[in-house]
Amino acid sequence: MHSIKLGTFPPDLDAWGTVADLGSTILEGEVKAFGKVHFGTPTSPVSAGYFACTKGKFNMTYPFSEQATVVEGECVLRNERTGEAVHYKVGDSWFIEKGTPIAWEILSERFTKHYFAVV
C-alpha cells in the first residue's frame, strides 16, 4: 500500500532526463524530469506513479488519458485547442484526454504530481 497525503513527499524519484526525452518540446528552461511508476509495464495500457520536473515551459500532446493530483509545486496548464488555462497548486487535480495538446508552465522550482494513466 502507498498513501498519498498532502504535505508528504513521494519516495525517491528516478532521473528520466528532460521532458524532451519523453516526447515534449521544451520552450524555456532545461525542464529535467523525474518519476517513479507504481504499476504498469511498457506494454500495459494502465500505469500510475509520480512525475516531477523542474521549472520551465514545454508543450506536449497527451499520448494517454490522465487523472493527476498536484503533490508539490505549482503549474499552469493551457489547452492549446481551446485556449483554456488553469493554475494548479498542491491538492488540485485534473483529467486530460488522450490527444489533447497541452502547454505546461512550471511556476515552482520543482513540480510533482501523482497520476493514473490509461493509453
N, C-alpha and C. Protein backbone atom coordinates (compact mmCIF):
# COMPACT_ATOMS: atom_id res chain seq x y z
N MET A 1 0.84 -1.17 0.00
CA MET A 1 0.00 0.00 0.00
C MET A 1 0.89 1.23 0.00
N HIS A 2 0.45 2.25 -0.71
CA HIS A 2 1.18 3.52 -0.75
C HIS A 2 0.18 4.64 -0.51
N SER A 3 0.37 5.41 0.52
CA SER A 3 -0.52 6.53 0.83
C SER A 3 -0.04 7.79 0.12
N ILE A 4 -1.00 8.58 -0.32
CA ILE A 4 -0.71 9.86 -0.96
C ILE A 4 -1.41 10.91 -0.10
N LYS A 5 -0.61 11.67 0.68
CA LYS A 5 -1.18 12.65 1.59
C LYS A 5 -0.55 14.01 1.34
N LEU A 6 -1.37 15.05 1.44
CA LEU A 6 -0.85 16.40 1.28
C LEU A 6 0.19 16.67 2.35
N GLY A 7 1.26 17.34 1.96
CA GLY A 7 2.32 17.69 2.89
C GLY A 7 3.39 16.62 3.03
N THR A 8 3.20 15.47 2.39
CA THR A 8 4.24 14.44 2.41
C THR A 8 4.83 14.35 1.01
N PHE A 9 6.09 13.99 0.95
CA PHE A 9 6.77 13.93 -0.33
C PHE A 9 6.86 12.50 -0.83
N PRO A 10 6.87 12.34 -2.13
CA PRO A 10 6.95 10.99 -2.70
C PRO A 10 8.29 10.33 -2.41
N PRO A 11 8.35 9.01 -2.61
CA PRO A 11 9.63 8.32 -2.42
C PRO A 11 10.65 8.85 -3.42
N ASP A 12 11.90 8.48 -3.23
CA ASP A 12 12.95 8.91 -4.16
C ASP A 12 12.52 8.63 -5.59
N LEU A 13 12.65 9.64 -6.43
CA LEU A 13 12.25 9.52 -7.82
C LEU A 13 13.48 9.28 -8.69
N ASP A 14 13.30 8.55 -9.77
CA ASP A 14 14.38 8.25 -10.70
C ASP A 14 14.56 9.40 -11.68
N ALA A 15 15.79 9.70 -12.08
CA ALA A 15 16.06 10.72 -13.10
C ALA A 15 15.67 10.15 -14.46
N TRP A 16 14.85 10.91 -15.21
CA TRP A 16 14.37 10.47 -16.52
C TRP A 16 14.91 11.35 -17.65
N GLY A 17 15.93 12.15 -17.42
CA GLY A 17 16.44 13.06 -18.45
C GLY A 17 15.66 14.36 -18.42
N THR A 18 15.27 14.84 -19.60
CA THR A 18 14.44 16.04 -19.68
C THR A 18 13.07 15.64 -20.23
N VAL A 19 12.13 16.59 -20.18
CA VAL A 19 10.81 16.29 -20.74
C VAL A 19 10.90 16.09 -22.25
N ALA A 20 11.93 16.64 -22.90
CA ALA A 20 12.13 16.40 -24.34
C ALA A 20 12.43 14.92 -24.60
N ASP A 21 13.13 14.27 -23.66
CA ASP A 21 13.41 12.84 -23.78
C ASP A 21 12.13 12.01 -23.70
N LEU A 22 11.07 12.62 -23.16
CA LEU A 22 9.77 11.94 -23.03
C LEU A 22 8.79 12.34 -24.12
N GLY A 23 9.27 13.10 -25.12
CA GLY A 23 8.42 13.46 -26.26
C GLY A 23 7.85 14.86 -26.24
N SER A 24 8.21 15.68 -25.27
CA SER A 24 7.73 17.06 -25.21
C SER A 24 8.67 18.00 -25.95
N THR A 25 8.19 19.20 -26.23
CA THR A 25 9.00 20.24 -26.82
C THR A 25 9.26 21.31 -25.76
N ILE A 26 10.52 21.48 -25.38
CA ILE A 26 10.87 22.47 -24.36
C ILE A 26 10.90 23.86 -24.99
N LEU A 27 10.22 24.81 -24.32
CA LEU A 27 10.17 26.19 -24.78
C LEU A 27 11.05 27.12 -23.95
N GLU A 28 11.24 26.75 -22.67
CA GLU A 28 12.03 27.59 -21.77
C GLU A 28 12.56 26.73 -20.62
N GLY A 29 13.84 26.90 -20.29
CA GLY A 29 14.44 26.15 -19.20
C GLY A 29 14.92 24.78 -19.67
N GLU A 30 15.58 24.06 -18.76
CA GLU A 30 16.06 22.72 -19.09
C GLU A 30 14.96 21.68 -18.86
N VAL A 31 14.11 21.89 -17.89
CA VAL A 31 12.96 21.05 -17.52
C VAL A 31 13.38 19.58 -17.37
N LYS A 32 14.16 19.33 -16.34
CA LYS A 32 14.57 17.96 -16.02
C LYS A 32 13.36 17.19 -15.50
N ALA A 33 13.28 15.90 -15.84
CA ALA A 33 12.15 15.06 -15.46
C ALA A 33 12.59 13.95 -14.50
N PHE A 34 11.69 13.61 -13.58
CA PHE A 34 11.93 12.56 -12.60
C PHE A 34 10.64 11.77 -12.43
N GLY A 35 10.73 10.53 -12.01
CA GLY A 35 9.50 9.79 -11.79
C GLY A 35 9.70 8.46 -11.13
N LYS A 36 8.58 7.86 -10.82
CA LYS A 36 8.53 6.52 -10.23
C LYS A 36 7.18 5.93 -10.64
N VAL A 37 7.22 4.79 -11.31
CA VAL A 37 5.98 4.12 -11.72
C VAL A 37 5.65 3.07 -10.68
N HIS A 38 4.43 3.14 -10.14
CA HIS A 38 3.98 2.18 -9.12
C HIS A 38 3.55 0.86 -9.74
N PHE A 39 2.82 0.95 -10.83
CA PHE A 39 2.43 -0.27 -11.52
C PHE A 39 2.25 0.03 -12.99
N GLY A 40 2.31 -1.02 -13.77
CA GLY A 40 2.25 -0.88 -15.21
C GLY A 40 3.57 -1.35 -15.80
N THR A 41 3.53 -1.70 -17.05
CA THR A 41 4.71 -2.14 -17.79
C THR A 41 4.73 -1.38 -19.10
N PRO A 42 5.82 -1.44 -19.86
CA PRO A 42 5.84 -0.74 -21.15
C PRO A 42 4.72 -1.17 -22.10
N THR A 43 4.19 -2.38 -21.93
CA THR A 43 3.12 -2.83 -22.82
C THR A 43 1.74 -2.77 -22.17
N SER A 44 1.67 -2.38 -20.89
CA SER A 44 0.40 -2.29 -20.18
C SER A 44 -0.36 -1.03 -20.61
N PRO A 45 -1.68 -1.11 -20.75
CA PRO A 45 -2.45 0.08 -21.11
C PRO A 45 -2.70 1.01 -19.92
N VAL A 46 -2.32 0.59 -18.69
CA VAL A 46 -2.60 1.36 -17.49
C VAL A 46 -1.31 1.52 -16.68
N SER A 47 -1.09 2.71 -16.12
CA SER A 47 0.04 2.91 -15.22
C SER A 47 -0.32 3.99 -14.20
N ALA A 48 0.41 4.00 -13.11
CA ALA A 48 0.23 5.02 -12.08
C ALA A 48 1.58 5.26 -11.43
N GLY A 49 1.78 6.47 -10.95
CA GLY A 49 3.03 6.78 -10.29
C GLY A 49 3.19 8.26 -10.08
N TYR A 50 4.44 8.66 -9.90
CA TYR A 50 4.79 10.07 -9.71
C TYR A 50 5.55 10.57 -10.93
N PHE A 51 5.29 11.82 -11.27
CA PHE A 51 6.07 12.53 -12.29
C PHE A 51 6.45 13.86 -11.66
N ALA A 52 7.72 14.24 -11.80
CA ALA A 52 8.19 15.52 -11.30
C ALA A 52 9.06 16.18 -12.37
N CYS A 53 9.14 17.49 -12.32
CA CYS A 53 10.03 18.20 -13.23
C CYS A 53 10.45 19.53 -12.61
N THR A 54 11.47 20.12 -13.21
CA THR A 54 11.98 21.41 -12.75
C THR A 54 11.28 22.53 -13.52
N LYS A 55 11.50 23.75 -13.07
CA LYS A 55 10.87 24.95 -13.62
C LYS A 55 11.13 25.11 -15.11
N GLY A 56 10.12 25.58 -15.83
CA GLY A 56 10.26 25.85 -17.25
C GLY A 56 8.93 25.76 -17.97
N LYS A 57 9.01 25.80 -19.30
CA LYS A 57 7.81 25.72 -20.14
C LYS A 57 8.04 24.67 -21.21
N PHE A 58 6.98 23.89 -21.50
CA PHE A 58 7.06 22.89 -22.55
C PHE A 58 5.67 22.57 -23.08
N ASN A 59 5.64 22.03 -24.27
CA ASN A 59 4.40 21.60 -24.91
C ASN A 59 4.42 20.10 -25.08
N MET A 60 3.25 19.49 -24.94
CA MET A 60 3.13 18.06 -25.22
C MET A 60 1.71 17.75 -25.66
N THR A 61 1.58 16.75 -26.50
CA THR A 61 0.27 16.21 -26.84
C THR A 61 0.16 14.92 -26.06
N TYR A 62 -0.89 14.82 -25.24
CA TYR A 62 -1.03 13.67 -24.35
C TYR A 62 -1.16 12.36 -25.11
N PRO A 63 -0.24 11.40 -24.85
CA PRO A 63 -0.29 10.09 -25.51
C PRO A 63 -1.19 9.10 -24.75
N PHE A 64 -1.86 9.58 -23.70
CA PHE A 64 -2.72 8.76 -22.85
C PHE A 64 -3.74 9.68 -22.20
N SER A 65 -4.78 9.11 -21.62
CA SER A 65 -5.71 9.87 -20.78
C SER A 65 -5.16 9.81 -19.37
N GLU A 66 -5.27 10.93 -18.65
CA GLU A 66 -4.63 11.01 -17.33
C GLU A 66 -5.50 11.73 -16.31
N GLN A 67 -5.55 11.16 -15.11
CA GLN A 67 -6.07 11.86 -13.94
C GLN A 67 -4.85 12.09 -13.08
N ALA A 68 -4.65 13.33 -12.60
CA ALA A 68 -3.47 13.64 -11.80
C ALA A 68 -3.83 14.61 -10.68
N THR A 69 -3.03 14.54 -9.62
CA THR A 69 -3.18 15.43 -8.47
C THR A 69 -1.80 16.01 -8.14
N VAL A 70 -1.75 17.32 -7.96
CA VAL A 70 -0.50 18.00 -7.62
C VAL A 70 -0.15 17.71 -6.17
N VAL A 71 1.08 17.24 -5.94
CA VAL A 71 1.55 16.98 -4.58
C VAL A 71 2.67 17.93 -4.15
N GLU A 72 3.24 18.67 -5.11
CA GLU A 72 4.30 19.62 -4.79
C GLU A 72 4.38 20.66 -5.90
N GLY A 73 4.44 21.94 -5.54
CA GLY A 73 4.66 22.99 -6.52
C GLY A 73 3.39 23.53 -7.16
N GLU A 74 3.61 24.29 -8.25
CA GLU A 74 2.52 24.94 -8.97
C GLU A 74 2.81 24.94 -10.47
N CYS A 75 1.73 24.92 -11.24
CA CYS A 75 1.87 25.00 -12.70
C CYS A 75 0.62 25.64 -13.30
N VAL A 76 0.76 26.06 -14.54
CA VAL A 76 -0.38 26.49 -15.34
C VAL A 76 -0.41 25.57 -16.55
N LEU A 77 -1.57 24.96 -16.78
CA LEU A 77 -1.77 24.13 -17.97
C LEU A 77 -2.74 24.85 -18.89
N ARG A 78 -2.37 24.92 -20.18
CA ARG A 78 -3.23 25.56 -21.17
C ARG A 78 -3.56 24.57 -22.26
N ASN A 79 -4.86 24.36 -22.49
CA ASN A 79 -5.33 23.51 -23.58
C ASN A 79 -5.10 24.30 -24.87
N GLU A 80 -4.23 23.81 -25.73
CA GLU A 80 -3.88 24.53 -26.95
C GLU A 80 -5.02 24.56 -27.97
N ARG A 81 -5.99 23.66 -27.84
CA ARG A 81 -7.16 23.66 -28.73
C ARG A 81 -8.16 24.74 -28.35
N THR A 82 -8.43 24.86 -27.06
CA THR A 82 -9.48 25.77 -26.59
C THR A 82 -8.95 27.09 -26.04
N GLY A 83 -7.67 27.12 -25.68
CA GLY A 83 -7.09 28.30 -25.06
C GLY A 83 -7.33 28.39 -23.55
N GLU A 84 -8.12 27.47 -23.00
CA GLU A 84 -8.38 27.48 -21.56
C GLU A 84 -7.09 27.23 -20.79
N ALA A 85 -6.81 28.09 -19.80
CA ALA A 85 -5.64 27.95 -18.95
C ALA A 85 -6.09 27.87 -17.50
N VAL A 86 -5.49 26.95 -16.73
CA VAL A 86 -5.85 26.77 -15.32
C VAL A 86 -4.57 26.70 -14.49
N HIS A 87 -4.58 27.43 -13.38
CA HIS A 87 -3.46 27.44 -12.43
C HIS A 87 -3.72 26.35 -11.40
N TYR A 88 -2.77 25.41 -11.25
CA TYR A 88 -2.90 24.31 -10.31
C TYR A 88 -1.85 24.43 -9.21
N LYS A 89 -2.26 24.06 -7.99
CA LYS A 89 -1.34 24.05 -6.85
C LYS A 89 -1.61 22.78 -6.05
N VAL A 90 -0.87 22.58 -4.97
CA VAL A 90 -0.96 21.36 -4.16
C VAL A 90 -2.41 21.05 -3.80
N GLY A 91 -2.81 19.81 -4.07
CA GLY A 91 -4.16 19.34 -3.77
C GLY A 91 -5.12 19.42 -4.93
N ASP A 92 -4.79 20.20 -5.96
CA ASP A 92 -5.64 20.32 -7.14
C ASP A 92 -5.46 19.11 -8.06
N SER A 93 -6.53 18.77 -8.78
CA SER A 93 -6.49 17.62 -9.70
C SER A 93 -7.03 18.02 -11.07
N TRP A 94 -6.71 17.21 -12.06
CA TRP A 94 -7.24 17.39 -13.41
C TRP A 94 -7.45 16.05 -14.09
N PHE A 95 -8.20 16.09 -15.18
CA PHE A 95 -8.33 14.96 -16.09
C PHE A 95 -8.08 15.51 -17.48
N ILE A 96 -7.17 14.87 -18.22
CA ILE A 96 -6.85 15.28 -19.59
C ILE A 96 -7.02 14.07 -20.50
N GLU A 97 -7.75 14.26 -21.59
CA GLU A 97 -8.00 13.17 -22.53
C GLU A 97 -6.82 12.97 -23.49
N LYS A 98 -6.61 11.73 -23.86
CA LYS A 98 -5.58 11.37 -24.84
C LYS A 98 -5.74 12.23 -26.09
N GLY A 99 -4.61 12.71 -26.63
CA GLY A 99 -4.61 13.51 -27.84
C GLY A 99 -4.74 15.01 -27.63
N THR A 100 -4.92 15.45 -26.39
CA THR A 100 -5.07 16.88 -26.11
C THR A 100 -3.71 17.56 -26.07
N PRO A 101 -3.53 18.63 -26.85
CA PRO A 101 -2.27 19.37 -26.81
C PRO A 101 -2.28 20.34 -25.61
N ILE A 102 -1.27 20.20 -24.74
CA ILE A 102 -1.21 20.99 -23.51
C ILE A 102 0.11 21.75 -23.45
N ALA A 103 0.01 23.05 -23.14
CA ALA A 103 1.20 23.88 -22.87
C ALA A 103 1.37 23.93 -21.36
N TRP A 104 2.53 23.49 -20.89
CA TRP A 104 2.85 23.48 -19.46
C TRP A 104 3.73 24.67 -19.12
N GLU A 105 3.43 25.32 -17.99
CA GLU A 105 4.32 26.32 -17.41
C GLU A 105 4.51 25.94 -15.95
N ILE A 106 5.70 25.48 -15.61
CA ILE A 106 6.01 25.11 -14.23
C ILE A 106 6.47 26.37 -13.52
N LEU A 107 5.72 26.79 -12.51
CA LEU A 107 5.98 28.05 -11.82
C LEU A 107 6.95 27.92 -10.66
N SER A 108 7.01 26.74 -10.05
CA SER A 108 7.86 26.50 -8.89
C SER A 108 9.17 25.86 -9.34
N GLU A 109 10.16 25.88 -8.46
CA GLU A 109 11.46 25.28 -8.82
C GLU A 109 11.32 23.79 -9.10
N ARG A 110 10.37 23.15 -8.43
CA ARG A 110 10.09 21.73 -8.66
C ARG A 110 8.59 21.51 -8.59
N PHE A 111 8.09 20.65 -9.44
CA PHE A 111 6.67 20.32 -9.51
C PHE A 111 6.55 18.80 -9.48
N THR A 112 5.60 18.28 -8.70
CA THR A 112 5.38 16.84 -8.64
C THR A 112 3.88 16.55 -8.67
N LYS A 113 3.50 15.56 -9.45
CA LYS A 113 2.11 15.12 -9.50
C LYS A 113 2.08 13.60 -9.29
N HIS A 114 0.97 13.11 -8.77
CA HIS A 114 0.70 11.68 -8.77
C HIS A 114 -0.34 11.48 -9.85
N TYR A 115 -0.15 10.46 -10.69
CA TYR A 115 -1.04 10.28 -11.84
C TYR A 115 -1.53 8.83 -11.98
N PHE A 116 -2.63 8.72 -12.71
CA PHE A 116 -3.18 7.44 -13.15
C PHE A 116 -3.43 7.63 -14.63
N ALA A 117 -2.82 6.81 -15.47
CA ALA A 117 -2.91 6.99 -16.92
C ALA A 117 -3.41 5.73 -17.61
N VAL A 118 -4.22 5.94 -18.66
CA VAL A 118 -4.72 4.85 -19.49
C VAL A 118 -4.46 5.21 -20.94
N VAL A 119 -3.80 4.30 -21.66
CA VAL A 119 -3.50 4.55 -23.08
C VAL A 119 -4.75 4.42 -23.90
